[in-house]
Amino acid sequence: MKKVLIIALSVFALTAQADFLGGSHNWNNGSSDPFKSALKAAETGYKANLAVNMAWRDTAKMIKEAKKLNAAGKTAAAVALANKAHHQTVNATAQTALAGSAGPRF
């Protein structure tokens, strides 16, 4: 359980720092395209959440819908949805840390 908690907290710390810098300093994937960076952050966080079985229900749907919106030329909406999916992965990672201590206290 300690390994899962350490991994979850590490992923959370790295994911929380990913949004600290602006779009011009995107070191995640070497691209200055805001959609690519938002999508990469969302997909990376989602894969990390799947690894510890704490992925939220709608995150994959949001990522898929963001890809469809970008293909349709609605880049602003696609970036907003990808960022929302990324924030869900951050919150799911935080929830992972709290789930380790969940249970009744007598």
PDB file of N, CA and C in Angstrom:
ATOM      1  N   MET A   1       0.818  -1.188   0.000  1.00  0.00           N
ATOM      2  CA  MET A   1       0.000   0.000   0.000  1.00  0.00           C
ATOM      3  C   MET A   1       0.862   1.252   0.000  1.00  0.00           C
ATOM      4  N   LYS A   2       2.013   1.179   0.658  1.00  0.00           N
ATOM      5  CA  LYS A   2       2.889   2.348   0.688  1.00  0.00           C
ATOM      6  C   LYS A   2       3.415   2.674  -0.708  1.00  0.00           C
ATOM      7  N   LYS A   3       3.689   1.639  -1.504  1.00  0.00           N
ATOM      8  CA  LYS A   3       4.190   1.877  -2.861  1.00  0.00           C
ATOM      9  C   LYS A   3       3.141   2.596  -3.695  1.00  0.00           C
ATOM     10  N   VAL A   4       1.889   2.162  -3.583  1.00  0.00           N
ATOM     11  CA  VAL A   4       0.808   2.795  -4.331  1.00  0.00           C
ATOM     12  C   VAL A   4       0.652   4.242  -3.898  1.00  0.00           C
ATOM     13  N   LEU A   5       0.724   4.497  -2.620  1.00  0.00           N
ATOM     14  CA  LEU A   5       0.593   5.851  -2.105  1.00  0.00           C
ATOM     15  C   LEU A   5       1.747   6.728  -2.574  1.00  0.00           C
ATOM     16  N   ILE A   6       2.955   6.216  -2.553  1.00  0.00           N
ATOM     17  CA  ILE A   6       4.111   6.991  -3.000  1.00  0.00           C
ATOM     18  C   ILE A   6       4.016   7.285  -4.493  1.00  0.00           C
ATOM     19  N   ILE A   7       3.613   6.292  -5.271  1.00  0.00           N
ATOM     20  CA  ILE A   7       3.458   6.501  -6.710  1.00  0.00           C
ATOM     21  C   ILE A   7       2.378   7.532  -6.983  1.00  0.00           C
ATOM     22  N   ALA A   8       1.256   7.415  -6.294  1.00  0.00           N
ATOM     23  CA  ALA A   8       0.151   8.350  -6.504  1.00  0.00           C
ATOM     24  C   ALA A   8       0.556   9.773  -6.131  1.00  0.00           C
ATOM     25  N   LEU A   9       1.234   9.924  -5.025  1.00  0.00           N
ATOM     26  CA  LEU A   9       1.661  11.261  -4.617  1.00  0.00           C
ATOM     27  C   LEU A   9       2.716  11.820  -5.565  1.00  0.00           C
ATOM     28  N   SER A  10       3.587  10.974  -6.072  1.00  0.00           N
ATOM     29  CA  SER A  10       4.593  11.433  -7.034  1.00  0.00           C
ATOM     30  C   SER A  10       3.938  11.897  -8.326  1.00  0.00           C
ATOM     31  N   VAL A  11       2.985  11.108  -8.817  1.00  0.00           N
ATOM     32  CA  VAL A  11       2.267  11.488 -10.035  1.00  0.00           C
ATOM     33  C   VAL A  11       1.512  12.784  -9.801  1.00  0.00           C
ATOM     34  N   PHE A  12       0.892  12.912  -8.656  1.00  0.00           N
ATOM     35  CA  PHE A  12       0.154  14.134  -8.339  1.00  0.00           C
ATOM     36  C   PHE A  12       1.089  15.336  -8.312  1.00  0.00           C
ATOM     37  N   ALA A  13       2.245  15.190  -7.691  1.00  0.00           N
ATOM     38  CA  ALA A  13       3.188  16.301  -7.599  1.00  0.00           C
ATOM     39  C   ALA A  13       3.685  16.716  -8.981  1.00  0.00           C
ATOM     40  N   LEU A  14       4.000  15.737  -9.822  1.00  0.00           N
ATOM     41  CA  LEU A  14       4.471  16.056 -11.166  1.00  0.00           C
ATOM     42  C   LEU A  14       3.362  16.652 -12.026  1.00  0.00           C
ATOM     43  N   THR A  15       2.153  16.143 -11.874  1.00  0.00           N
ATOM     44  CA  THR A  15       1.034  16.646 -12.651  1.00  0.00           C
ATOM     45  C   THR A  15       0.664  18.056 -12.211  1.00  0.00           C
ATOM     46  N   ALA A  16       0.722  18.327 -10.932  1.00  0.00           N
ATOM     47  CA  ALA A  16       0.392  19.659 -10.434  1.00  0.00           C
ATOM     48  C   ALA A  16       1.405  20.681 -10.930  1.00  0.00           C
ATOM     49  N   GLN A  17       2.640  20.289 -11.100  1.00  0.00           N
ATOM     50  CA  GLN A  17       3.663  21.210 -11.577  1.00  0.00           C
ATOM     51  C   GLN A  17       3.605  21.387 -13.084  1.00  0.00           C
ATOM     52  N   ALA A  18       2.938  20.497 -13.803  1.00  0.00           N
ATOM     53  CA  ALA A  18       2.892  20.585 -15.259  1.00  0.00           C
ATOM     54  C   ALA A  18       2.167  21.839 -15.727  1.00  0.00           C
ATOM     55  N   ASP A  19       1.183  22.319 -14.984  1.00  0.00           N
ATOM     56  CA  ASP A  19       0.440  23.512 -15.370  1.00  0.00           C
ATOM     57  C   ASP A  19       1.063  24.796 -14.849  1.00  0.00           C
ATOM     58  N   PHE A  20       2.161  24.725 -14.141  1.00  0.00           N
ATOM     59  CA  PHE A  20       2.752  25.902 -13.534  1.00  0.00           C
ATOM     60  C   PHE A  20       3.293  26.869 -14.573  1.00  0.00           C
ATOM     61  N   LEU A  21       3.946  26.357 -15.627  1.00  0.00           N
ATOM     62  CA  LEU A  21       4.517  27.208 -16.650  1.00  0.00           C
ATOM     63  C   LEU A  21       3.500  27.486 -17.743  1.00  0.00           C
ATOM     64  N   GLY A  22       3.693  28.589 -18.442  1.00  0.00           N
ATOM     65  CA  GLY A  22       2.791  28.964 -19.514  1.00  0.00           C
ATOM     66  C   GLY A  22       2.939  28.091 -20.734  1.00  0.00           C
ATOM     67  N   GLY A  23       2.109  28.326 -21.738  1.00  0.00           N
ATOM     68  CA  GLY A  23       2.118  27.531 -22.956  1.00  0.00           C
ATOM     69  C   GLY A  23       3.397  27.682 -23.762  1.00  0.00           C
ATOM     70  N   SER A  24       4.070  28.826 -23.662  1.00  0.00           N
ATOM     71  CA  SER A  24       5.293  29.018 -24.428  1.00  0.00           C
ATOM     72  C   SER A  24       6.452  28.208 -23.855  1.00  0.00           C
ATOM     73  N   HIS A  25       6.343  27.748 -22.621  1.00  0.00           N
ATOM     74  CA  HIS A  25       7.401  26.965 -21.985  1.00  0.00           C
ATOM     75  C   HIS A  25       6.930  25.544 -21.737  1.00  0.00           C
ATOM     76  N   ASN A  26       6.341  24.951 -22.717  1.00  0.00           N
ATOM     77  CA  ASN A  26       5.828  23.599 -22.551  1.00  0.00           C
ATOM     78  C   ASN A  26       6.952  22.606 -22.787  1.00  0.00           C
ATOM     79  N   TRP A  27       7.428  22.008 -21.727  1.00  0.00           N
ATOM     80  CA  TRP A  27       8.506  21.047 -21.822  1.00  0.00           C
ATOM     81  C   TRP A  27       7.983  19.618 -21.804  1.00  0.00           C
ATOM     82  N   ASN A  28       6.678  19.427 -21.764  1.00  0.00           N
ATOM     83  CA  ASN A  28       6.119  18.081 -21.683  1.00  0.00           C
ATOM     84  C   ASN A  28       6.343  17.282 -22.960  1.00  0.00           C
ATOM     85  N   ASN A  29       6.055  17.885 -24.119  1.00  0.00           N
ATOM     86  CA  ASN A  29       6.179  17.130 -25.359  1.00  0.00           C
ATOM     87  C   ASN A  29       6.910  17.898 -26.454  1.00  0.00           C
ATOM     88  N   GLY A  30       7.505  19.030 -26.129  1.00  0.00           N
ATOM     89  CA  GLY A  30       8.266  19.782 -27.107  1.00  0.00           C
ATOM     90  C   GLY A  30       7.415  20.534 -28.101  1.00  0.00           C
ATOM     91  N   SER A  31       6.138  20.680 -27.863  1.00  0.00           N
ATOM     92  CA  SER A  31       5.249  21.352 -28.792  1.00  0.00           C
ATOM     93  C   SER A  31       4.706  22.627 -28.171  1.00  0.00           C
ATOM     94  N   SER A  32       4.490  23.634 -29.010  1.00  0.00           N
ATOM     95  CA  SER A  32       3.882  24.862 -28.519  1.00  0.00           C
ATOM     96  C   SER A  32       2.380  24.874 -28.807  1.00  0.00           C
ATOM     97  N   ASP A  33       1.866  23.802 -29.382  1.00  0.00           N
ATOM     98  CA  ASP A  33       0.437  23.685 -29.660  1.00  0.00           C
ATOM     99  C   ASP A  33      -0.309  23.440 -28.352  1.00  0.00           C
ATOM    100  N   PRO A  34      -1.224  24.328 -27.966  1.00  0.00           N
ATOM    101  CA  PRO A  34      -1.907  24.153 -26.675  1.00  0.00           C
ATOM    102  C   PRO A  34      -2.764  22.897 -26.605  1.00  0.00           C
ATOM    103  N   PHE A  35      -3.362  22.483 -27.733  1.00  0.00           N
ATOM    104  CA  PHE A  35      -4.182  21.279 -27.698  1.00  0.00           C
ATOM    105  C   PHE A  35      -3.328  20.038 -27.464  1.00  0.00           C
ATOM    106  N   LYS A  36      -2.203  19.966 -28.156  1.00  0.00           N
ATOM    107  CA  LYS A  36      -1.335  18.791 -27.993  1.00  0.00           C
ATOM    108  C   LYS A  36      -0.823  18.673 -26.563  1.00  0.00           C
ATOM    109  N   SER A  37      -0.441  19.797 -25.985  1.00  0.00           N
ATOM    110  CA  SER A  37       0.084  19.740 -24.620  1.00  0.00           C
ATOM    111  C   SER A  37      -1.014  19.396 -23.615  1.00  0.00           C
ATOM    112  N   ALA A  38      -2.213  19.956 -23.793  1.00  0.00           N
ATOM    113  CA  ALA A  38      -3.320  19.646 -22.890  1.00  0.00           C
ATOM    114  C   ALA A  38      -3.735  18.188 -23.024  1.00  0.00           C
ATOM    115  N   LEU A  39      -3.778  17.697 -24.249  1.00  0.00           N
ATOM    116  CA  LEU A  39      -4.155  16.302 -24.480  1.00  0.00           C
ATOM    117  C   LEU A  39      -3.105  15.354 -23.921  1.00  0.00           C
ATOM    118  N   LYS A  40      -1.841  15.684 -24.109  1.00  0.00           N
ATOM    119  CA  LYS A  40      -0.756  14.842 -23.592  1.00  0.00           C
ATOM    120  C   LYS A  40      -0.821  14.764 -22.064  1.00  0.00           C
ATOM    121  N   ALA A  41      -1.077  15.908 -21.412  1.00  0.00           N
ATOM    122  CA  ALA A  41      -1.178  15.926 -19.953  1.00  0.00           C
ATOM    123  C   ALA A  41      -2.366  15.094 -19.483  1.00  0.00           C
ATOM    124  N   ALA A  42      -3.502  15.218 -20.177  1.00  0.00           N
ATOM    125  CA  ALA A  42      -4.695  14.456 -19.798  1.00  0.00           C
ATOM    126  C   ALA A  42      -4.477  12.962 -19.985  1.00  0.00           C
ATOM    127  N   GLU A  43      -3.901  12.574 -21.111  1.00  0.00           N
ATOM    128  CA  GLU A  43      -3.681  11.152 -21.374  1.00  0.00           C
ATOM    129  C   GLU A  43      -2.658  10.550 -20.411  1.00  0.00           C
ATOM    130  N   THR A  44      -1.610  11.286 -20.103  1.00  0.00           N
ATOM    131  CA  THR A  44      -0.596  10.794 -19.176  1.00  0.00           C
ATOM    132  C   THR A  44      -1.186  10.599 -17.784  1.00  0.00           C
ATOM    133  N   GLY A  45      -1.945  11.579 -17.331  1.00  0.00           N
ATOM    134  CA  GLY A  45      -2.592  11.458 -16.023  1.00  0.00           C
ATOM    135  C   GLY A  45      -3.606  10.328 -15.979  1.00  0.00           C
ATOM    136  N   TYR A  46      -4.342  10.150 -17.075  1.00  0.00           N
ATOM    137  CA  TYR A  46      -5.349   9.090 -17.125  1.00  0.00           C
ATOM    138  C   TYR A  46      -4.690   7.705 -17.072  1.00  0.00           C
ATOM    139  N   LYS A  47      -3.572   7.556 -17.786  1.00  0.00           N
ATOM    140  CA  LYS A  47      -2.861   6.275 -17.749  1.00  0.00           C
ATOM    141  C   LYS A  47      -2.323   5.989 -16.348  1.00  0.00           C
ATOM    142  N   ALA A  48      -1.852   7.027 -15.675  1.00  0.00           N
ATOM    143  CA  ALA A  48      -1.364   6.844 -14.303  1.00  0.00           C
ATOM    144  C   ALA A  48      -2.511   6.463 -13.376  1.00  0.00           C
ATOM    145  N   ASN A  49      -3.682   7.052 -13.578  1.00  0.00           N
ATOM    146  CA  ASN A  49      -4.844   6.715 -12.759  1.00  0.00           C
ATOM    147  C   ASN A  49      -5.320   5.288 -13.028  1.00  0.00           C
ATOM    148  N   LEU A  50      -5.259   4.864 -14.276  1.00  0.00           N
ATOM    149  CA  LEU A  50      -5.627   3.483 -14.595  1.00  0.00           C
ATOM    150  C   LEU A  50      -4.676   2.493 -13.933  1.00  0.00           C
ATOM    151  N   ALA A  51      -3.418   2.871 -13.826  1.00  0.00           N
ATOM    152  CA  ALA A  51      -2.420   1.972 -13.240  1.00  0.00           C
ATOM    153  C   ALA A  51      -2.708   1.676 -11.773  1.00  0.00           C
ATOM    154  N   VAL A  52      -3.321   2.602 -11.066  1.00  0.00           N
ATOM    155  CA  VAL A  52      -3.638   2.391  -9.649  1.00  0.00           C
ATOM    156  C   VAL A  52      -5.139   2.171  -9.431  1.00  0.00           C
ATOM    157  N   ASN A  53      -5.873   1.894 -10.513  1.00  0.00           N
ATOM    158  CA  ASN A  53      -7.309   1.600 -10.468  1.00  0.00           C
ATOM    159  C   ASN A  53      -8.135   2.711  -9.822  1.00  0.00           C
ATOM    160  N   MET A  54      -7.786   3.953 -10.100  1.00  0.00           N
ATOM    161  CA  MET A  54      -8.550   5.079  -9.560  1.00  0.00           C
ATOM    162  C   MET A  54      -8.945   6.069 -10.651  1.00  0.00           C
ATOM    163  N   ALA A  55      -9.154   5.598 -11.875  1.00  0.00           N
ATOM    164  CA  ALA A  55      -9.563   6.483 -12.963  1.00  0.00           C
ATOM    165  C   ALA A  55     -11.043   6.817 -12.807  1.00  0.00           C
ATOM    166  N   TRP A  56     -11.363   8.059 -13.089  1.00  0.00           N
ATOM    167  CA  TRP A  56     -12.756   8.479 -12.997  1.00  0.00           C
ATOM    168  C   TRP A  56     -13.514   8.062 -14.249  1.00  0.00           C
ATOM    169  N   ARG A  57     -14.825   7.967 -14.130  1.00  0.00           N
ATOM    170  CA  ARG A  57     -15.681   7.414 -15.165  1.00  0.00           C
ATOM    171  C   ARG A  57     -15.644   8.221 -16.475  1.00  0.00           C
ATOM    172  N   ASP A  58     -15.717   9.530 -16.419  1.00  0.00           N
ATOM    173  CA  ASP A  58     -15.897  10.330 -17.627  1.00  0.00           C
ATOM    174  C   ASP A  58     -14.606  10.839 -18.254  1.00  0.00           C
ATOM    175  N   THR A  59     -13.473  10.585 -17.661  1.00  0.00           N
ATOM    176  CA  THR A  59     -12.227  11.157 -18.170  1.00  0.00           C
ATOM    177  C   THR A  59     -11.918  10.650 -19.574  1.00  0.00           C
ATOM    178  N   ALA A  60     -12.045   9.363 -19.810  1.00  0.00           N
ATOM    179  CA  ALA A  60     -11.762   8.809 -21.141  1.00  0.00           C
ATOM    180  C   ALA A  60     -12.732   9.374 -22.176  1.00  0.00           C
ATOM    181  N   LYS A  61     -13.993   9.540 -21.794  1.00  0.00           N
ATOM    182  CA  LYS A  61     -14.979  10.116 -22.712  1.00  0.00           C
ATOM    183  C   LYS A  61     -14.610  11.558 -23.060  1.00  0.00           C
ATOM    184  N   MET A  62     -14.127  12.292 -22.072  1.00  0.00           N
ATOM    185  CA  MET A  62     -13.754  13.688 -22.312  1.00  0.00           C
ATOM    186  C   MET A  62     -12.547  13.779 -23.249  1.00  0.00           C
ATOM    187  N   ILE A  63     -11.589  12.896 -23.074  1.00  0.00           N
ATOM    188  CA  ILE A  63     -10.414  12.889 -23.951  1.00  0.00           C
ATOM    189  C   ILE A  63     -10.821  12.558 -25.384  1.00  0.00           C
ATOM    190  N   LYS A  64     -11.689  11.575 -25.527  1.00  0.00           N
ATOM    191  CA  LYS A  64     -12.157  11.178 -26.856  1.00  0.00           C
ATOM    192  C   LYS A  64     -12.947  12.307 -27.517  1.00  0.00           C
ATOM    193  N   GLU A  65     -13.786  12.976 -26.747  1.00  0.00           N
ATOM    194  CA  GLU A  65     -14.580  14.088 -27.278  1.00  0.00           C
ATOM    195  C   GLU A  65     -13.675  15.267 -27.647  1.00  0.00           C
ATOM    196  N   ALA A  66     -12.633  15.517 -26.876  1.00  0.00           N
ATOM    197  CA  ALA A  66     -11.698  16.601 -27.191  1.00  0.00           C
ATOM    198  C   ALA A  66     -10.994  16.326 -28.524  1.00  0.00           C
ATOM    199  N   LYS A  67     -10.648  15.076 -28.772  1.00  0.00           N
ATOM    200  CA  LYS A  67     -10.026  14.723 -30.051  1.00  0.00           C
ATOM    201  C   LYS A  67     -10.989  14.972 -31.207  1.00  0.00           C
ATOM    202  N   LYS A  68     -12.262  14.625 -31.010  1.00  0.00           N
ATOM    203  CA  LYS A  68     -13.265  14.858 -32.054  1.00  0.00           C
ATOM    204  C   LYS A  68     -13.445  16.351 -32.314  1.00  0.00           C
ATOM    205  N   LEU A  69     -13.494  17.148 -31.247  1.00  0.00           N
ATOM    206  CA  LEU A  69     -13.654  18.594 -31.409  1.00  0.00           C
ATOM    207  C   LEU A  69     -12.463  19.199 -32.137  1.00  0.00           C
ATOM    208  N   ASN A  70     -11.272  18.740 -31.834  1.00  0.00           N
ATOM    209  CA  ASN A  70     -10.091  19.264 -32.511  1.00  0.00           C
ATOM    210  C   ASN A  70     -10.104  18.886 -33.985  1.00  0.00           C
ATOM    211  N   ALA A  71     -10.531  17.672 -34.297  1.00  0.00           N
ATOM    212  CA  ALA A  71     -10.604  17.240 -35.693  1.00  0.00           C
ATOM    213  C   ALA A  71     -11.648  18.048 -36.468  1.00  0.00           C
ATOM    214  N   ALA A  72     -12.689  18.506 -35.753  1.00  0.00           N
ATOM    215  CA  ALA A  72     -13.739  19.304 -36.387  1.00  0.00           C
ATOM    216  C   ALA A  72     -13.345  20.773 -36.516  1.00  0.00           C
ATOM    217  N   GLY A  73     -12.184  21.144 -36.002  1.00  0.00           N
ATOM    218  CA  GLY A  73     -11.725  22.521 -36.124  1.00  0.00           C
ATOM    219  C   GLY A  73     -12.112  23.421 -34.968  1.00  0.00           C
ATOM    220  N   LYS A  74     -12.685  22.862 -33.933  1.00  0.00           N
ATOM    221  CA  LYS A  74     -13.091  23.641 -32.757  1.00  0.00           C
ATOM    222  C   LYS A  74     -11.992  23.530 -31.705  1.00  0.00           C
ATOM    223  N   THR A  75     -10.876  24.187 -31.989  1.00  0.00           N
ATOM    224  CA  THR A  75      -9.681  24.032 -31.160  1.00  0.00           C
ATOM    225  C   THR A  75      -9.867  24.580 -29.757  1.00  0.00           C
ATOM    226  N   ALA A  76     -10.525  25.734 -29.625  1.00  0.00           N
ATOM    227  CA  ALA A  76     -10.698  26.340 -28.296  1.00  0.00           C
ATOM    228  C   ALA A  76     -11.522  25.428 -27.383  1.00  0.00           C
ATOM    229  N   ALA A  77     -12.592  24.873 -27.912  1.00  0.00           N
ATOM    230  CA  ALA A  77     -13.423  23.965 -27.122  1.00  0.00           C
ATOM    231  C   ALA A  77     -12.667  22.675 -26.813  1.00  0.00           C
ATOM    232  N   ALA A  78     -11.860  22.215 -27.758  1.00  0.00           N
ATOM    233  CA  ALA A  78     -11.082  20.993 -27.550  1.00  0.00           C
ATOM    234  C   ALA A  78     -10.038  21.192 -26.457  1.00  0.00           C
ATOM    235  N   VAL A  79      -9.377  22.353 -26.446  1.00  0.00           N
ATOM    236  CA  VAL A  79      -8.380  22.646 -25.414  1.00  0.00           C
ATOM    237  C   VAL A  79      -9.053  22.738 -24.051  1.00  0.00           C
ATOM    238  N   ALA A  80     -10.207  23.404 -23.997  1.00  0.00           N
ATOM    239  CA  ALA A  80     -10.928  23.536 -22.722  1.00  0.00           C
ATOM    240  C   ALA A  80     -11.336  22.168 -22.186  1.00  0.00           C
ATOM    241  N   LEU A  81     -11.815  21.291 -23.050  1.00  0.00           N
ATOM    242  CA  LEU A  81     -12.237  19.956 -22.617  1.00  0.00           C
ATOM    243  C   LEU A  81     -11.044  19.100 -22.215  1.00  0.00           C
ATOM    244  N   ALA A  82      -9.940  19.212 -22.940  1.00  0.00           N
ATOM    245  CA  ALA A  82      -8.737  18.462 -22.575  1.00  0.00           C
ATOM    246  C   ALA A  82      -8.187  18.945 -21.236  1.00  0.00           C
ATOM    247  N   ASN A  83      -8.235  20.251 -20.993  1.00  0.00           N
ATOM    248  CA  ASN A  83      -7.799  20.781 -19.696  1.00  0.00           C
ATOM    249  C   ASN A  83      -8.713  20.301 -18.569  1.00  0.00           C
ATOM    250  N   LYS A  84     -10.000  20.224 -18.845  1.00  0.00           N
ATOM    251  CA  LYS A  84     -10.946  19.727 -17.843  1.00  0.00           C
ATOM    252  C   LYS A  84     -10.658  18.251 -17.529  1.00  0.00           C
ATOM    253  N   ALA A  85     -10.345  17.480 -18.554  1.00  0.00           N
ATOM    254  CA  ALA A  85      -9.986  16.067 -18.344  1.00  0.00           C
ATOM    255  C   ALA A  85      -8.692  15.963 -17.543  1.00  0.00           C
ATOM    256  N   HIS A  86      -7.754  16.849 -17.813  1.00  0.00           N
ATOM    257  CA  HIS A  86      -6.492  16.846 -17.060  1.00  0.00           C
ATOM    258  C   HIS A  86      -6.744  17.165 -15.588  1.00  0.00           C
ATOM    259  N   HIS A  87      -7.608  18.122 -15.318  1.00  0.00           N
ATOM    260  CA  HIS A  87      -7.926  18.453 -13.929  1.00  0.00           C
ATOM    261  C   HIS A  87      -8.619  17.287 -13.229  1.00  0.00           C
ATOM    262  N   GLN A  88      -9.413  16.522 -13.977  1.00  0.00           N
ATOM    263  CA  GLN A  88     -10.019  15.330 -13.385  1.00  0.00           C
ATOM    264  C   GLN A  88      -8.955  14.303 -13.017  1.00  0.00           C
ATOM    265  N   THR A  89      -7.927  14.173 -13.834  1.00  0.00           N
ATOM    266  CA  THR A  89      -6.874  13.210 -13.506  1.00  0.00           C
ATOM    267  C   THR A  89      -6.103  13.663 -12.270  1.00  0.00           C
ATOM    268  N   VAL A  90      -5.899  14.961 -12.129  1.00  0.00           N
ATOM    269  CA  VAL A  90      -5.223  15.482 -10.933  1.00  0.00           C
ATOM    270  C   VAL A  90      -6.068  15.204  -9.697  1.00  0.00           C
ATOM    271  N   ASN A  91      -7.369  15.449  -9.788  1.00  0.00           N
ATOM    272  CA  ASN A  91      -8.258  15.193  -8.652  1.00  0.00           C
ATOM    273  C   ASN A  91      -8.359  13.704  -8.335  1.00  0.00           C
ATOM    274  N   ALA A  92      -8.347  12.865  -9.358  1.00  0.00           N
ATOM    275  CA  ALA A  92      -8.383  11.416  -9.126  1.00  0.00           C
ATOM    276  C   ALA A  92      -7.108  10.953  -8.434  1.00  0.00           C
ATOM    277  N   THR A  93      -5.987  11.560  -8.781  1.00  0.00           N
ATOM    278  CA  THR A  93      -4.726  11.217  -8.122  1.00  0.00           C
ATOM    279  C   THR A  93      -4.765  11.620  -6.657  1.00  0.00           C
ATOM    280  N   ALA A  94      -5.325  12.783  -6.375  1.00  0.00           N
ATOM    281  CA  ALA A  94      -5.466  13.215  -4.978  1.00  0.00           C
ATOM    282  C   ALA A  94      -6.410  12.291  -4.220  1.00  0.00           C
ATOM    283  N   GLN A  95      -7.446  11.837  -4.883  1.00  0.00           N
ATOM    284  CA  GLN A  95      -8.393  10.922  -4.251  1.00  0.00           C
ATOM    285  C   GLN A  95      -7.723   9.589  -3.947  1.00  0.00           C
ATOM    286  N   THR A  96      -6.783   9.175  -4.774  1.00  0.00           N
ATOM    287  CA  THR A  96      -6.065   7.919  -4.552  1.00  0.00           C
ATOM    288  C   THR A  96      -5.350   7.934  -3.219  1.00  0.00           C
ATOM    289  N   ALA A  97      -4.738   9.066  -2.902  1.00  0.00           N
ATOM    290  CA  ALA A  97      -4.027   9.184  -1.629  1.00  0.00           C
ATOM    291  C   ALA A  97      -4.978   9.072  -0.446  1.00  0.00           C
ATOM    292  N   LEU A  98      -6.171   9.637  -0.594  1.00  0.00           N
ATOM    293  CA  LEU A  98      -7.133   9.592   0.505  1.00  0.00           C
ATOM    294  C   LEU A  98      -7.820   8.232   0.624  1.00  0.00           C
ATOM    295  N   ALA A  99      -7.919   7.507  -0.473  1.00  0.00           N
ATOM    296  CA  ALA A  99      -8.606   6.223  -0.448  1.00  0.00           C
ATOM    297  C   ALA A  99      -7.847   5.170   0.354  1.00  0.00           C
ATOM    298  N   GLY A 100      -6.564   5.350   0.513  1.00  0.00           N
ATOM    299  CA  GLY A 100      -5.773   4.393   1.280  1.00  0.00           C
ATOM    300  C   GLY A 100      -6.143   4.366   2.746  1.00  0.00           C
ATOM    301  N   SER A 101      -6.618   5.474   3.263  1.00  0.00           N
ATOM    302  CA  SER A 101      -6.984   5.529   4.671  1.00  0.00           C
ATOM    303  C   SER A 101      -8.493   5.489   4.892  1.00  0.00           C
ATOM    304  N   ALA A 102      -9.248   5.206   3.832  1.00  0.00           N
ATOM    305  CA  ALA A 102     -10.689   5.167   3.965  1.00  0.00           C
ATOM    306  C   ALA A 102     -11.146   3.920   4.694  1.00  0.00           C
ATOM    307  N   GLY A 103     -12.232   4.030   5.385  1.00  0.00           N
ATOM    308  CA  GLY A 103     -12.791   2.895   6.105  1.00  0.00           C
ATOM    309  C   GLY A 103     -13.362   3.310   7.434  1.00  0.00           C
ATOM    310  N   PRO A 104     -14.040   2.411   8.088  1.00  0.00           N
ATOM    311  CA  PRO A 104     -14.635   2.769   9.369  1.00  0.00           C
ATOM    312  C   PRO A 104     -13.581   2.937  10.449  1.00  0.00           C
ATOM    313  N   ARG A 105     -13.870   3.844  11.345  1.00  0.00           N
ATOM    314  CA  ARG A 105     -12.988   4.054  12.493  1.00  0.00           C
ATOM    315  C   ARG A 105     -13.803   3.785  13.759  1.00  0.00           C
ATOM    316  N   PHE A 106     -13.427   2.789  14.473  1.00  0.00           N
ATOM    317  CA  PHE A 106     -14.176   2.410  15.655  1.00  0.00           C
ATOM    318  C   PHE A 106     -13.491   2.908  16.905  1.00  0.00           C
TER     319      PHE A 106
END
